[in-house]
Protein backbone atom coordinates (compact mmCIF):
# COMPACT_ATOMS: atom_id res chain seq x y z
CA UNK A 1 0.62 -75.25 -34.45
CA UNK A 2 0.32 -75.99 -30.84
CA UNK A 3 -2.36 -73.60 -28.89
CA UNK A 4 0.76 -72.45 -26.58
CA UNK A 5 1.80 -70.04 -29.49
CA UNK A 6 -1.09 -68.03 -29.34
CA UNK A 7 -2.11 -68.39 -25.73
CA UNK A 8 -1.39 -69.03 -22.18
CA UNK A 9 -3.48 -70.43 -19.43
CA UNK A 10 -4.44 -69.55 -16.04
CA UNK A 11 -6.11 -72.46 -14.09
CA UNK A 12 -8.23 -73.25 -11.05
CA UNK A 13 -9.98 -76.07 -9.07
CA UNK A 14 -12.76 -76.15 -6.29
CA UNK A 15 -13.93 -79.64 -5.59
CA UNK A 16 -14.44 -81.74 -8.94
CA UNK A 17 -14.41 -79.04 -11.59
CA UNK A 18 -11.67 -77.17 -13.35
CA UNK A 19 -11.65 -73.82 -14.61
CA UNK A 20 -8.92 -73.20 -17.52
CA UNK A 21 -8.81 -69.33 -18.84
CA UNK A 22 -7.28 -69.75 -22.20
CA UNK A 23 -5.84 -65.74 -22.41
CA UNK A 24 -4.47 -64.63 -26.53
CA UNK A 25 -0.79 -63.43 -26.33
CA UNK A 26 -2.33 -60.88 -29.17
CA UNK A 27 -5.90 -59.58 -29.25
CA UNK A 28 -5.67 -60.12 -32.70
CA UNK A 29 -5.34 -63.85 -32.49
CA UNK A 30 -9.05 -64.04 -30.24
CA UNK A 31 -11.20 -64.86 -32.79
CA UNK A 32 -8.58 -67.78 -34.41
CA UNK A 33 -8.86 -68.91 -30.69
CA UNK A 34 -12.55 -68.43 -30.52
CA UNK A 35 -13.21 -70.30 -33.84
CA UNK A 36 -10.99 -73.41 -32.92
CA UNK A 37 -10.90 -73.96 -29.37
CA UNK A 38 -14.35 -75.00 -28.92
CA UNK A 39 -15.50 -76.76 -26.14
CA UNK A 40 -16.30 -79.51 -28.27
CA UNK A 41 -12.67 -79.86 -28.77
CA UNK A 42 -11.56 -79.00 -25.62
CA UNK A 43 -13.83 -81.81 -24.31
CA UNK A 44 -12.43 -84.46 -26.60
CA UNK A 45 -9.20 -83.28 -25.89
CA UNK A 46 -9.88 -84.51 -22.48
CA UNK A 47 -11.04 -87.64 -23.23
CA UNK A 48 -10.90 -90.16 -20.47
CA UNK A 49 -9.88 -87.40 -17.80
CA UNK A 50 -13.45 -85.02 -17.83
CA UNK A 51 -16.76 -87.22 -16.83
CA UNK A 52 -18.97 -84.58 -16.94
CA UNK A 53 -19.76 -80.83 -19.28
CA UNK A 54 -17.68 -78.17 -20.60
CA UNK A 55 -18.61 -75.51 -20.85
CA UNK A 56 -17.02 -72.38 -22.46
CA UNK A 57 -17.78 -68.51 -21.46
CA UNK A 58 -15.99 -66.00 -24.16
CA UNK A 59 -14.71 -62.73 -23.21
CA UNK A 60 -13.87 -60.63 -26.23
CA UNK A 61 -12.98 -57.84 -24.37
CA UNK A 62 -10.24 -59.69 -22.68
CA UNK A 63 -9.16 -61.64 -25.72
CA UNK A 64 -10.03 -64.98 -23.43
CA UNK A 65 -12.21 -67.82 -23.36
CA UNK A 66 -12.86 -69.45 -20.00
CA UNK A 67 -13.73 -73.10 -19.87
CA UNK A 68 -15.52 -75.20 -16.57
CA UNK A 69 -14.42 -78.61 -16.99
CA UNK A 70 -17.05 -80.81 -14.96
CA UNK A 71 -15.83 -83.97 -13.67
CA UNK A 72 -12.70 -83.52 -14.12
CA UNK A 73 -10.42 -83.84 -10.85
CA UNK A 74 -11.15 -87.56 -10.38
CA UNK A 75 -13.82 -86.80 -7.55
CA UNK A 76 -11.92 -83.68 -6.18
CA UNK A 77 -8.58 -82.64 -5.53
CA UNK A 78 -8.23 -83.91 -2.27
CA UNK A 79 -9.56 -87.54 -3.28
CA UNK A 80 -7.79 -87.71 -6.35
CA UNK A 81 -4.42 -89.98 -6.49
CA UNK A 82 -3.82 -87.95 -9.85
CA UNK A 83 -1.47 -85.11 -9.08
CA UNK A 84 -1.20 -84.21 -12.60
CA UNK A 85 -4.87 -83.80 -13.33
CA UNK A 86 -5.31 -80.78 -10.99
CA UNK A 87 -6.12 -77.45 -12.10
CA UNK A 88 -2.49 -76.50 -13.37
CA UNK A 89 -2.24 -79.91 -14.83
CA UNK A 90 -5.08 -79.57 -17.08
CA UNK A 91 -4.12 -75.76 -17.96
CA UNK A 92 -0.84 -77.07 -19.51
CA UNK A 93 -2.22 -80.31 -21.29
CA UNK A 94 -5.08 -77.76 -23.21
CA UNK A 95 -1.71 -75.52 -24.50
CA UNK A 96 -0.75 -78.84 -26.24
CA UNK A 97 -4.22 -78.64 -28.34
CA UNK A 98 -3.33 -78.71 -32.22
CA UNK A 99 -5.12 -75.72 -33.62
CA UNK A 100 -4.94 -74.72 -37.93
CA UNK A 101 -1.47 -72.52 -37.73
CA UNK A 102 -2.57 -68.62 -37.76
CA UNK A 103 -0.51 -67.71 -41.06
CA UNK A 104 -1.57 -70.25 -43.14
CA UNK A 105 -4.98 -68.40 -42.78
CA UNK A 106 -3.59 -64.81 -43.33
CA UNK A 107 -1.85 -66.03 -46.19
CA UNK A 108 -4.99 -67.50 -48.20
CA UNK A 109 -6.44 -64.11 -47.38
CA UNK A 110 -3.59 -62.15 -49.02
CA UNK A 111 -3.05 -60.52 -45.50
CA UNK A 112 0.47 -59.86 -43.96
CA UNK A 113 1.97 -61.67 -41.60
CA UNK A 114 2.83 -59.85 -38.22
């Protein structure tokens, strides 16, 4: 399933750093997101775009994960010719990440589907 099925993204950028907040639509999906959307997976998803570190901050009470992508904007928003690489474009691209289907995990545990 695509990440966009369980969460939405809010983004920002400053200099050569992009910030992507991933927020679960339903708080019950937060643990699933936290387990499958790691800094390593985000870095791999943006290979060739992000040249620096990817740091993840967990915000469980908000049902959110915040990612800081260093070296993500081709030198900075005002220096880059890649307009789609700005924060909003990266947020949309992150939502295209494939994660395991949430309902498959519920079925394996015998939990009811929502």
